[in-house]
């Protein structure tokens, strides 16, 4: 596991919450082939494709997500994804007693807070079990001012790892990010230990590399790992060509799709933005915009 691991998880996470999720409807039975970033209307998900790679790739990918939340090698555990649930991790390359069960609690990606609790050691371990393991906590690129591991996109006002909060059993830990993109916590772990990670999630404006001609003079909107868009449904039927000044501010709001409620944003110029992956679920085929012109 080389020092480049975190950047691949950054790409995985960006794909998971945006491009992948938008490819399938909330009902689970309609699919996009490409994922457009702008639409004048008329584009909507399909029930099936003659070349059906998209639906079956969804079915293959979803069951693999739990296996990506953690990784390990001898004496090291990597906390990669912030997802609710329990997992048994092999921290000692299958050696006797080299397993530990953990539980993660989080509302990510809507909240930047995640808790990891040591539940129990592997079978046969004594009640006073403890293990010297290096826990590597991934600090996402978006929380360090790098929405992608390249210069393709940049935050206009970059985030900083210095704003990240990390604690063990209530005691603050220095969130010093290594070259591998992780904060390393080395200690003897025992049952009941709790790690709490807090990632600030202000709304960020994103600028594309100047070589991307179609995006010059335009900014996108992100919060945490989630990309937002304007959909005609929330904006009087109009979204294509929508303007969003660089100094726009945002207030929290919500939208409803069926019996589900999701976070949304309302810009100071009145434009309503929703998570990109949700578009096309209420009124298929309406207008869409992801990259917003700064000026009319």
C-alpha atoms as a PDB file:
ATOM      1  CA  UNK A   1       0.000   0.000   0.000  1.00  0.00           C
ATOM      2  CA  UNK A   2       1.950   3.006  -1.267  1.00  0.00           C
ATOM      3  CA  UNK A   3       1.787   6.655  -0.239  1.00  0.00           C
ATOM      4  CA  UNK A   4      -0.440   7.421  -3.224  1.00  0.00           C
ATOM      5  CA  UNK A   5      -3.401   5.497  -1.769  1.00  0.00           C
ATOM      6  CA  UNK A   6      -5.370   8.520  -0.493  1.00  0.00           C
ATOM      7  CA  UNK A   7      -5.589  10.204  -3.891  1.00  0.00           C
ATOM      8  CA  UNK A   8      -7.244   7.117  -5.353  1.00  0.00           C
ATOM      9  CA  UNK A   9      -9.767   7.082  -2.513  1.00  0.00           C
ATOM     10  CA  UNK A  10     -10.424  10.784  -3.249  1.00  0.00           C
ATOM     11  CA  UNK A  11     -11.293   9.877  -6.836  1.00  0.00           C
ATOM     12  CA  UNK A  12     -13.370   6.912  -5.656  1.00  0.00           C
ATOM     13  CA  UNK A  13     -15.328   9.119  -3.261  1.00  0.00           C
ATOM     14  CA  UNK A  14     -15.925  11.819  -5.866  1.00  0.00           C
ATOM     15  CA  UNK A  15     -17.218   9.192  -8.269  1.00  0.00           C
ATOM     16  CA  UNK A  16     -19.325   7.473  -5.620  1.00  0.00           C
ATOM     17  CA  UNK A  17     -21.300  10.561  -4.563  1.00  0.00           C
ATOM     18  CA  UNK A  18     -21.603  12.216  -7.962  1.00  0.00           C
ATOM     19  CA  UNK A  19     -21.027  10.498 -11.309  1.00  0.00           C
ATOM     20  CA  UNK A  20     -21.960   7.013 -10.164  1.00  0.00           C
ATOM     21  CA  UNK A  21     -25.044   7.946  -8.141  1.00  0.00           C
ATOM     22  CA  UNK A  22     -26.446  10.215 -10.844  1.00  0.00           C
ATOM     23  CA  UNK A  23     -26.322   7.318 -13.311  1.00  0.00           C
ATOM     24  CA  UNK A  24     -29.182   5.519 -11.573  1.00  0.00           C
ATOM     25  CA  UNK A  25     -32.581   6.853 -10.517  1.00  0.00           C
ATOM     26  CA  UNK A  26     -33.692   6.833  -6.883  1.00  0.00           C
ATOM     27  CA  UNK A  27     -36.236   4.187  -7.862  1.00  0.00           C
ATOM     28  CA  UNK A  28     -33.356   2.034  -9.081  1.00  0.00           C
ATOM     29  CA  UNK A  29     -34.879   1.151 -12.453  1.00  0.00           C
ATOM     30  CA  UNK A  30     -33.799   3.967 -14.804  1.00  0.00           C
ATOM     31  CA  UNK A  31     -30.282   4.837 -15.967  1.00  0.00           C
ATOM     32  CA  UNK A  32     -28.178   7.502 -17.632  1.00  0.00           C
ATOM     33  CA  UNK A  33     -25.553   6.442 -20.137  1.00  0.00           C
ATOM     34  CA  UNK A  34     -23.508   9.676 -20.121  1.00  0.00           C
ATOM     35  CA  UNK A  35     -23.908  12.153 -17.244  1.00  0.00           C
ATOM     36  CA  UNK A  36     -24.409  15.620 -18.794  1.00  0.00           C
ATOM     37  CA  UNK A  37     -23.279  18.747 -16.973  1.00  0.00           C
ATOM     38  CA  UNK A  38     -25.757  20.956 -18.837  1.00  0.00           C
ATOM     39  CA  UNK A  39     -29.036  20.329 -20.618  1.00  0.00           C
ATOM     40  CA  UNK A  40     -31.563  22.500 -22.449  1.00  0.00           C
ATOM     41  CA  UNK A  41     -34.167  19.877 -21.609  1.00  0.00           C
ATOM     42  CA  UNK A  42     -35.356  16.589 -23.040  1.00  0.00           C
ATOM     43  CA  UNK A  43     -32.562  14.461 -21.614  1.00  0.00           C
ATOM     44  CA  UNK A  44     -33.709  11.785 -19.173  1.00  0.00           C
ATOM     45  CA  UNK A  45     -32.819   8.358 -17.824  1.00  0.00           C
ATOM     46  CA  UNK A  46     -33.729   5.229 -19.807  1.00  0.00           C
ATOM     47  CA  UNK A  47     -35.235   1.946 -18.680  1.00  0.00           C
ATOM     48  CA  UNK A  48     -32.549  -0.073 -20.457  1.00  0.00           C
ATOM     49  CA  UNK A  49     -29.847   0.071 -23.130  1.00  0.00           C
ATOM     50  CA  UNK A  50     -29.078  -2.238 -26.018  1.00  0.00           C
ATOM     51  CA  UNK A  51     -25.498  -2.118 -24.690  1.00  0.00           C
ATOM     52  CA  UNK A  52     -26.418  -2.619 -21.045  1.00  0.00           C
ATOM     53  CA  UNK A  53     -23.048  -1.980 -19.397  1.00  0.00           C
ATOM     54  CA  UNK A  54     -24.383   0.802 -17.124  1.00  0.00           C
ATOM     55  CA  UNK A  55     -27.098  -1.116 -15.215  1.00  0.00           C
ATOM     56  CA  UNK A  56     -24.960  -4.194 -14.655  1.00  0.00           C
ATOM     57  CA  UNK A  57     -21.952  -2.107 -13.589  1.00  0.00           C
ATOM     58  CA  UNK A  58     -24.165  -0.497 -10.942  1.00  0.00           C
ATOM     59  CA  UNK A  59     -25.097  -3.946  -9.659  1.00  0.00           C
ATOM     60  CA  UNK A  60     -21.435  -4.979  -9.548  1.00  0.00           C
ATOM     61  CA  UNK A  61     -20.157  -1.800  -7.920  1.00  0.00           C
ATOM     62  CA  UNK A  62     -22.635  -1.294  -5.067  1.00  0.00           C
ATOM     63  CA  UNK A  63     -21.779  -4.568  -3.224  1.00  0.00           C
ATOM     64  CA  UNK A  64     -18.078  -3.681  -3.351  1.00  0.00           C
ATOM     65  CA  UNK A  65     -18.419  -0.378  -1.488  1.00  0.00           C
ATOM     66  CA  UNK A  66     -18.224  -1.909   2.048  1.00  0.00           C
ATOM     67  CA  UNK A  67     -14.894  -3.540   1.176  1.00  0.00           C
ATOM     68  CA  UNK A  68     -13.443  -0.132   0.303  1.00  0.00           C
ATOM     69  CA  UNK A  69     -14.217   1.563   3.632  1.00  0.00           C
ATOM     70  CA  UNK A  70     -11.083   0.155   5.292  1.00  0.00           C
ATOM     71  CA  UNK A  71      -7.775  -1.347   4.256  1.00  0.00           C
ATOM     72  CA  UNK A  72      -4.970  -2.912   6.278  1.00  0.00           C
ATOM     73  CA  UNK A  73      -1.489  -4.355   6.293  1.00  0.00           C
ATOM     74  CA  UNK A  74       0.564  -5.704   9.192  1.00  0.00           C
ATOM     75  CA  UNK A  75       0.137  -3.331  12.120  1.00  0.00           C
ATOM     76  CA  UNK A  76      -1.688  -0.644  10.097  1.00  0.00           C
ATOM     77  CA  UNK A  77      -5.390   0.070   9.521  1.00  0.00           C
ATOM     78  CA  UNK A  78      -6.550   2.609   6.915  1.00  0.00           C
ATOM     79  CA  UNK A  79      -9.849   4.416   7.514  1.00  0.00           C
ATOM     80  CA  UNK A  80     -10.753   5.314   3.934  1.00  0.00           C
ATOM     81  CA  UNK A  81     -14.475   6.020   3.617  1.00  0.00           C
ATOM     82  CA  UNK A  82     -16.894   7.565   6.064  1.00  0.00           C
ATOM     83  CA  UNK A  83     -19.848   5.194   5.961  1.00  0.00           C
ATOM     84  CA  UNK A  84     -22.200   3.975   8.692  1.00  0.00           C
ATOM     85  CA  UNK A  85     -21.843   0.350   9.766  1.00  0.00           C
ATOM     86  CA  UNK A  86     -19.709  -2.317  11.421  1.00  0.00           C
ATOM     87  CA  UNK A  87     -16.651  -4.102  10.055  1.00  0.00           C
ATOM     88  CA  UNK A  88     -14.118  -6.733  11.106  1.00  0.00           C
ATOM     89  CA  UNK A  89     -10.581  -5.722  10.156  1.00  0.00           C
ATOM     90  CA  UNK A  90      -7.498  -7.945   9.927  1.00  0.00           C
ATOM     91  CA  UNK A  91      -4.641  -5.793  11.242  1.00  0.00           C
ATOM     92  CA  UNK A  92      -2.040  -8.535  11.548  1.00  0.00           C
ATOM     93  CA  UNK A  93      -2.013 -10.370   8.214  1.00  0.00           C
ATOM     94  CA  UNK A  94      -4.206 -13.236   9.431  1.00  0.00           C
ATOM     95  CA  UNK A  95      -2.084 -13.928  12.527  1.00  0.00           C
ATOM     96  CA  UNK A  96      -3.904 -15.351  15.551  1.00  0.00           C
ATOM     97  CA  UNK A  97      -5.807 -12.627  17.369  1.00  0.00           C
ATOM     98  CA  UNK A  98      -5.152 -10.185  14.571  1.00  0.00           C
ATOM     99  CA  UNK A  99      -8.743  -9.100  14.075  1.00  0.00           C
ATOM    100  CA  UNK A 100     -10.743  -6.246  15.560  1.00  0.00           C
ATOM    101  CA  UNK A 101     -14.380  -5.259  15.104  1.00  0.00           C
ATOM    102  CA  UNK A 102     -15.256  -1.594  14.768  1.00  0.00           C
ATOM    103  CA  UNK A 103     -18.427   0.455  14.365  1.00  0.00           C
ATOM    104  CA  UNK A 104     -18.642   3.677  12.423  1.00  0.00           C
ATOM    105  CA  UNK A 105     -21.360   6.279  12.971  1.00  0.00           C
ATOM    106  CA  UNK A 106     -21.747   9.192  10.573  1.00  0.00           C
ATOM    107  CA  UNK A 107     -24.156  11.254   8.484  1.00  0.00           C
ATOM    108  CA  UNK A 108     -21.553  11.780   5.765  1.00  0.00           C
ATOM    109  CA  UNK A 109     -21.659  13.240   3.122  1.00  0.00           C
ATOM    110  CA  UNK A 110     -24.214  15.697   4.598  1.00  0.00           C
ATOM    111  CA  UNK A 111     -22.152  16.152   7.752  1.00  0.00           C
ATOM    112  CA  UNK A 112     -18.376  16.026   8.167  1.00  0.00           C
ATOM    113  CA  UNK A 113     -18.513  14.265  11.534  1.00  0.00           C
ATOM    114  CA  UNK A 114     -17.599  10.576  11.753  1.00  0.00           C
ATOM    115  CA  UNK A 115     -17.045   8.383  14.816  1.00  0.00           C
ATOM    116  CA  UNK A 116     -15.107   5.114  14.874  1.00  0.00           C
ATOM    117  CA  UNK A 117     -15.479   2.901  17.966  1.00  0.00           C
ATOM    118  CA  UNK A 118     -13.544  -0.275  18.819  1.00  0.00           C
ATOM    119  CA  UNK A 119     -16.236  -2.852  19.628  1.00  0.00           C
ATOM    120  CA  UNK A 120     -14.340  -6.071  20.312  1.00  0.00           C
ATOM    121  CA  UNK A 121     -11.151  -7.958  19.460  1.00  0.00           C
ATOM    122  CA  UNK A 122     -11.004 -11.148  17.455  1.00  0.00           C
ATOM    123  CA  UNK A 123     -12.020 -14.603  18.763  1.00  0.00           C
ATOM    124  CA  UNK A 124      -9.965 -15.908  21.659  1.00  0.00           C
ATOM    125  CA  UNK A 125      -8.626 -12.527  22.798  1.00  0.00           C
ATOM    126  CA  UNK A 126      -8.577 -11.832  26.548  1.00  0.00           C
ATOM    127  CA  UNK A 127     -10.771  -9.271  28.271  1.00  0.00           C
ATOM    128  CA  UNK A 128      -7.784  -6.964  28.804  1.00  0.00           C
ATOM    129  CA  UNK A 129      -6.964  -7.077  25.089  1.00  0.00           C
ATOM    130  CA  UNK A 130      -4.992  -4.236  23.574  1.00  0.00           C
ATOM    131  CA  UNK A 131      -3.100  -3.941  20.315  1.00  0.00           C
ATOM    132  CA  UNK A 132      -0.451  -1.557  19.029  1.00  0.00           C
ATOM    133  CA  UNK A 133      -1.874  -0.550  15.674  1.00  0.00           C
ATOM    134  CA  UNK A 134      -1.288   2.552  13.541  1.00  0.00           C
ATOM    135  CA  UNK A 135      -4.669   3.948  12.539  1.00  0.00           C
ATOM    136  CA  UNK A 136      -4.431   6.055   9.396  1.00  0.00           C
ATOM    137  CA  UNK A 137      -7.361   8.464   9.078  1.00  0.00           C
ATOM    138  CA  UNK A 138      -7.901   9.773   5.574  1.00  0.00           C
ATOM    139  CA  UNK A 139      -8.349  13.537   5.308  1.00  0.00           C
ATOM    140  CA  UNK A 140     -10.191  14.040   1.992  1.00  0.00           C
ATOM    141  CA  UNK A 141      -8.590  16.240  -0.629  1.00  0.00           C
ATOM    142  CA  UNK A 142     -11.608  18.554  -0.630  1.00  0.00           C
ATOM    143  CA  UNK A 143     -10.914  19.264   3.084  1.00  0.00           C
ATOM    144  CA  UNK A 144      -7.291  20.140   2.235  1.00  0.00           C
ATOM    145  CA  UNK A 145      -8.002  22.489  -0.673  1.00  0.00           C
ATOM    146  CA  UNK A 146      -7.692  19.861  -3.435  1.00  0.00           C
ATOM    147  CA  UNK A 147     -11.055  18.711  -4.805  1.00  0.00           C
ATOM    148  CA  UNK A 148      -9.203  16.360  -7.198  1.00  0.00           C
ATOM    149  CA  UNK A 149      -5.598  15.065  -7.099  1.00  0.00           C
ATOM    150  CA  UNK A 150      -4.513  17.250 -10.018  1.00  0.00           C
ATOM    151  CA  UNK A 151      -4.806  20.846 -11.222  1.00  0.00           C
ATOM    152  CA  UNK A 152      -7.970  20.125 -13.217  1.00  0.00           C
ATOM    153  CA  UNK A 153     -10.176  21.764 -10.552  1.00  0.00           C
ATOM    154  CA  UNK A 154      -9.280  24.173  -7.727  1.00  0.00           C
ATOM    155  CA  UNK A 155     -11.228  25.777  -4.903  1.00  0.00           C
ATOM    156  CA  UNK A 156     -11.388  29.558  -5.254  1.00  0.00           C
ATOM    157  CA  UNK A 157     -10.851  29.807  -1.481  1.00  0.00           C
ATOM    158  CA  UNK A 158      -9.004  26.606  -0.547  1.00  0.00           C
ATOM    159  CA  UNK A 159      -9.844  24.599   2.553  1.00  0.00           C
ATOM    160  CA  UNK A 160      -7.056  23.770   4.994  1.00  0.00           C
ATOM    161  CA  UNK A 161      -6.300  20.661   7.031  1.00  0.00           C
ATOM    162  CA  UNK A 162      -5.630  23.002   9.959  1.00  0.00           C
ATOM    163  CA  UNK A 163      -9.419  23.392  10.293  1.00  0.00           C
ATOM    164  CA  UNK A 164      -9.938  19.636  10.700  1.00  0.00           C
ATOM    165  CA  UNK A 165     -10.651  18.349  14.218  1.00  0.00           C
ATOM    166  CA  UNK A 166      -9.562  14.865  15.345  1.00  0.00           C
ATOM    167  CA  UNK A 167      -9.783  13.331  18.819  1.00  0.00           C
ATOM    168  CA  UNK A 168      -9.328  10.003  20.620  1.00  0.00           C
ATOM    169  CA  UNK A 169     -11.503   9.427  23.695  1.00  0.00           C
ATOM    170  CA  UNK A 170     -12.192  13.151  23.863  1.00  0.00           C
ATOM    171  CA  UNK A 171      -8.539  14.219  23.686  1.00  0.00           C
ATOM    172  CA  UNK A 172      -7.523  16.337  20.709  1.00  0.00           C
ATOM    173  CA  UNK A 173      -5.031  14.822  18.271  1.00  0.00           C
ATOM    174  CA  UNK A 174      -2.915  16.970  15.973  1.00  0.00           C
ATOM    175  CA  UNK A 175      -4.387  16.627  12.470  1.00  0.00           C
ATOM    176  CA  UNK A 176      -1.005  16.571  10.754  1.00  0.00           C
ATOM    177  CA  UNK A 177      -1.543  15.111   7.311  1.00  0.00           C
ATOM    178  CA  UNK A 178       1.305  13.028   5.943  1.00  0.00           C
ATOM    179  CA  UNK A 179       2.418  12.829   2.336  1.00  0.00           C
ATOM    180  CA  UNK A 180       0.074   9.849   1.972  1.00  0.00           C
ATOM    181  CA  UNK A 181      -3.010  11.980   2.712  1.00  0.00           C
ATOM    182  CA  UNK A 182      -3.643  10.414   6.142  1.00  0.00           C
ATOM    183  CA  UNK A 183      -3.247  11.432   9.766  1.00  0.00           C
ATOM    184  CA  UNK A 184      -1.493   8.594  11.605  1.00  0.00           C
ATOM    185  CA  UNK A 185      -2.519   7.751  15.182  1.00  0.00           C
ATOM    186  CA  UNK A 186      -0.198   5.240  16.856  1.00  0.00           C
ATOM    187  CA  UNK A 187      -1.259   3.804  20.220  1.00  0.00           C
ATOM    188  CA  UNK A 188      -2.336   0.656  21.994  1.00  0.00           C
ATOM    189  CA  UNK A 189      -6.013   0.313  21.217  1.00  0.00           C
ATOM    190  CA  UNK A 190      -8.542  -1.279  23.543  1.00  0.00           C
ATOM    191  CA  UNK A 191     -12.264  -2.011  23.505  1.00  0.00           C
ATOM    192  CA  UNK A 192     -14.327   1.176  23.836  1.00  0.00           C
ATOM    193  CA  UNK A 193     -11.783   3.539  22.299  1.00  0.00           C
ATOM    194  CA  UNK A 194     -13.493   6.170  20.149  1.00  0.00           C
ATOM    195  CA  UNK A 195     -12.016   8.284  17.376  1.00  0.00           C
ATOM    196  CA  UNK A 196     -13.979  11.365  16.288  1.00  0.00           C
ATOM    197  CA  UNK A 197     -13.247  13.183  13.037  1.00  0.00           C
ATOM    198  CA  UNK A 198     -14.815  16.554  12.238  1.00  0.00           C
ATOM    199  CA  UNK A 199     -14.409  17.906   8.713  1.00  0.00           C
ATOM    200  CA  UNK A 200     -15.737  21.456   8.185  1.00  0.00           C
ATOM    201  CA  UNK A 201     -18.120  21.594   5.205  1.00  0.00           C
ATOM    202  CA  UNK A 202     -18.501  25.169   3.955  1.00  0.00           C
ATOM    203  CA  UNK A 203     -19.886  25.680   0.467  1.00  0.00           C
ATOM    204  CA  UNK A 204     -17.002  25.975  -2.006  1.00  0.00           C
ATOM    205  CA  UNK A 205     -16.788  27.468  -5.492  1.00  0.00           C
ATOM    206  CA  UNK A 206     -14.732  25.439  -7.955  1.00  0.00           C
ATOM    207  CA  UNK A 207     -12.794  26.751 -10.933  1.00  0.00           C
ATOM    208  CA  UNK A 208     -11.673  24.522 -13.809  1.00  0.00           C
ATOM    209  CA  UNK A 209      -8.250  24.619 -15.419  1.00  0.00           C
ATOM    210  CA  UNK A 210      -8.047  27.358 -18.067  1.00  0.00           C
ATOM    211  CA  UNK A 211      -7.394  24.690 -20.686  1.00  0.00           C
ATOM    212  CA  UNK A 212     -11.018  23.562 -20.281  1.00  0.00           C
ATOM    213  CA  UNK A 213     -12.406  26.131 -22.710  1.00  0.00           C
ATOM    214  CA  UNK A 214     -16.079  25.367 -22.035  1.00  0.00           C
ATOM    215  CA  UNK A 215     -15.681  26.246 -18.342  1.00  0.00           C
ATOM    216  CA  UNK A 216     -13.782  29.528 -18.640  1.00  0.00           C
ATOM    217  CA  UNK A 217     -15.564  32.270 -16.728  1.00  0.00           C
ATOM    218  CA  UNK A 218     -17.651  29.657 -14.924  1.00  0.00           C
ATOM    219  CA  UNK A 219     -17.667  28.257 -11.396  1.00  0.00           C
ATOM    220  CA  UNK A 220     -19.198  25.087  -9.976  1.00  0.00           C
ATOM    221  CA  UNK A 221     -20.518  24.565  -6.439  1.00  0.00           C
ATOM    222  CA  UNK A 222     -19.499  21.838  -3.985  1.00  0.00           C
ATOM    223  CA  UNK A 223     -20.085  21.084  -0.342  1.00  0.00           C
ATOM    224  CA  UNK A 224     -17.855  18.391   1.060  1.00  0.00           C
ATOM    225  CA  UNK A 225     -17.606  15.691  -1.617  1.00  0.00           C
ATOM    226  CA  UNK A 226     -20.995  16.538  -3.179  1.00  0.00           C
ATOM    227  CA  UNK A 227     -21.320  18.532  -6.420  1.00  0.00           C
ATOM    228  CA  UNK A 228     -24.442  20.713  -6.714  1.00  0.00           C
ATOM    229  CA  UNK A 229     -26.453  21.769  -9.766  1.00  0.00           C
ATOM    230  CA  UNK A 230     -29.438  23.886 -10.737  1.00  0.00           C
ATOM    231  CA  UNK A 231     -32.452  21.997 -12.084  1.00  0.00           C
ATOM    232  CA  UNK A 232     -35.352  23.633 -13.868  1.00  0.00           C
ATOM    233  CA  UNK A 233     -37.851  22.002 -11.510  1.00  0.00           C
ATOM    234  CA  UNK A 234     -36.744  24.290  -8.637  1.00  0.00           C
ATOM    235  CA  UNK A 235     -36.155  27.411 -10.712  1.00  0.00           C
ATOM    236  CA  UNK A 236     -39.326  28.188 -12.645  1.00  0.00           C
ATOM    237  CA  UNK A 237     -38.453  25.712 -15.374  1.00  0.00           C
ATOM    238  CA  UNK A 238     -35.178  27.495 -16.192  1.00  0.00           C
ATOM    239  CA  UNK A 239     -31.679  26.357 -15.301  1.00  0.00           C
ATOM    240  CA  UNK A 240     -29.683  26.131 -18.536  1.00  0.00           C
ATOM    241  CA  UNK A 241     -27.438  29.199 -18.774  1.00  0.00           C
ATOM    242  CA  UNK A 242     -28.132  30.199 -15.155  1.00  0.00           C
ATOM    243  CA  UNK A 243     -25.816  32.858 -13.725  1.00  0.00           C
ATOM    244  CA  UNK A 244     -24.256  32.592 -10.271  1.00  0.00           C
ATOM    245  CA  UNK A 245     -21.896  35.456  -9.324  1.00  0.00           C
ATOM    246  CA  UNK A 246     -18.538  34.547  -7.811  1.00  0.00           C
ATOM    247  CA  UNK A 247     -19.473  36.342  -4.571  1.00  0.00           C
ATOM    248  CA  UNK A 248     -22.849  34.611  -4.169  1.00  0.00           C
ATOM    249  CA  UNK A 249     -23.704  33.387  -0.689  1.00  0.00           C
ATOM    250  CA  UNK A 250     -25.737  30.300   0.171  1.00  0.00           C
ATOM    251  CA  UNK A 251     -28.384  29.336   2.716  1.00  0.00           C
ATOM    252  CA  UNK A 252     -29.448  25.816   3.639  1.00  0.00           C
ATOM    253  CA  UNK A 253     -32.798  24.556   2.424  1.00  0.00           C
ATOM    254  CA  UNK A 254     -34.316  21.190   1.505  1.00  0.00           C
ATOM    255  CA  UNK A 255     -36.116  19.469  -1.348  1.00  0.00           C
ATOM    256  CA  UNK A 256     -38.487  16.506  -1.286  1.00  0.00           C
ATOM    257  CA  UNK A 257     -38.504  13.586  -3.687  1.00  0.00           C
ATOM    258  CA  UNK A 258     -41.330  11.215  -2.894  1.00  0.00           C
ATOM    259  CA  UNK A 259     -41.228  10.650   0.857  1.00  0.00           C
ATOM    260  CA  UNK A 260     -37.528  11.554   1.138  1.00  0.00           C
ATOM    261  CA  UNK A 261     -36.044  14.912   2.113  1.00  0.00           C
ATOM    262  CA  UNK A 262     -32.592  15.985   0.918  1.00  0.00           C
ATOM    263  CA  UNK A 263     -30.311  18.945   1.663  1.00  0.00           C
ATOM    264  CA  UNK A 264     -30.267  21.748  -0.908  1.00  0.00           C
ATOM    265  CA  UNK A 265     -28.865  25.282  -1.184  1.00  0.00           C
ATOM    266  CA  UNK A 266     -30.457  28.618  -2.024  1.00  0.00           C
ATOM    267  CA  UNK A 267     -28.091  31.194  -3.489  1.00  0.00           C
ATOM    268  CA  UNK A 268     -28.325  34.890  -2.665  1.00  0.00           C
ATOM    269  CA  UNK A 269     -29.606  35.572  -6.202  1.00  0.00           C
ATOM    270  CA  UNK A 270     -32.524  33.153  -5.633  1.00  0.00           C
ATOM    271  CA  UNK A 271     -31.138  30.171  -7.548  1.00  0.00           C
ATOM    272  CA  UNK A 272     -31.898  26.816  -5.863  1.00  0.00           C
ATOM    273  CA  UNK A 273     -29.194  24.161  -6.086  1.00  0.00           C
ATOM    274  CA  UNK A 274     -29.558  20.447  -5.415  1.00  0.00           C
ATOM    275  CA  UNK A 275     -27.028  17.587  -5.216  1.00  0.00           C
ATOM    276  CA  UNK A 276     -26.158  16.698  -8.798  1.00  0.00           C
ATOM    277  CA  UNK A 277     -26.927  13.017  -8.354  1.00  0.00           C
ATOM    278  CA  UNK A 278     -30.584  13.850  -7.585  1.00  0.00           C
ATOM    279  CA  UNK A 279     -31.409  15.703 -10.788  1.00  0.00           C
ATOM    280  CA  UNK A 280     -34.023  14.219 -13.093  1.00  0.00           C
ATOM    281  CA  UNK A 281     -35.839  12.285 -10.359  1.00  0.00           C
ATOM    282  CA  UNK A 282     -38.901  14.542 -10.045  1.00  0.00           C
ATOM    283  CA  UNK A 283     -39.561  15.814 -13.547  1.00  0.00           C
ATOM    284  CA  UNK A 284     -37.446  13.912 -16.079  1.00  0.00           C
ATOM    285  CA  UNK A 285     -36.127  15.882 -19.013  1.00  0.00           C
ATOM    286  CA  UNK A 286     -36.018  19.371 -17.493  1.00  0.00           C
ATOM    287  CA  UNK A 287     -33.130  21.878 -17.750  1.00  0.00           C
ATOM    288  CA  UNK A 288     -29.794  21.441 -15.965  1.00  0.00           C
ATOM    289  CA  UNK A 289     -26.656  23.480 -15.240  1.00  0.00           C
ATOM    290  CA  UNK A 290     -23.532  22.555 -13.240  1.00  0.00           C
ATOM    291  CA  UNK A 291     -20.949  25.154 -14.367  1.00  0.00           C
ATOM    292  CA  UNK A 292     -22.371  28.627 -13.796  1.00  0.00           C
ATOM    293  CA  UNK A 293     -21.336  31.776 -15.612  1.00  0.00           C
ATOM    294  CA  UNK A 294     -20.118  34.448 -13.181  1.00  0.00           C
ATOM    295  CA  UNK A 295     -21.700  37.218 -15.250  1.00  0.00           C
ATOM    296  CA  UNK A 296     -24.828  37.474 -17.464  1.00  0.00           C
END
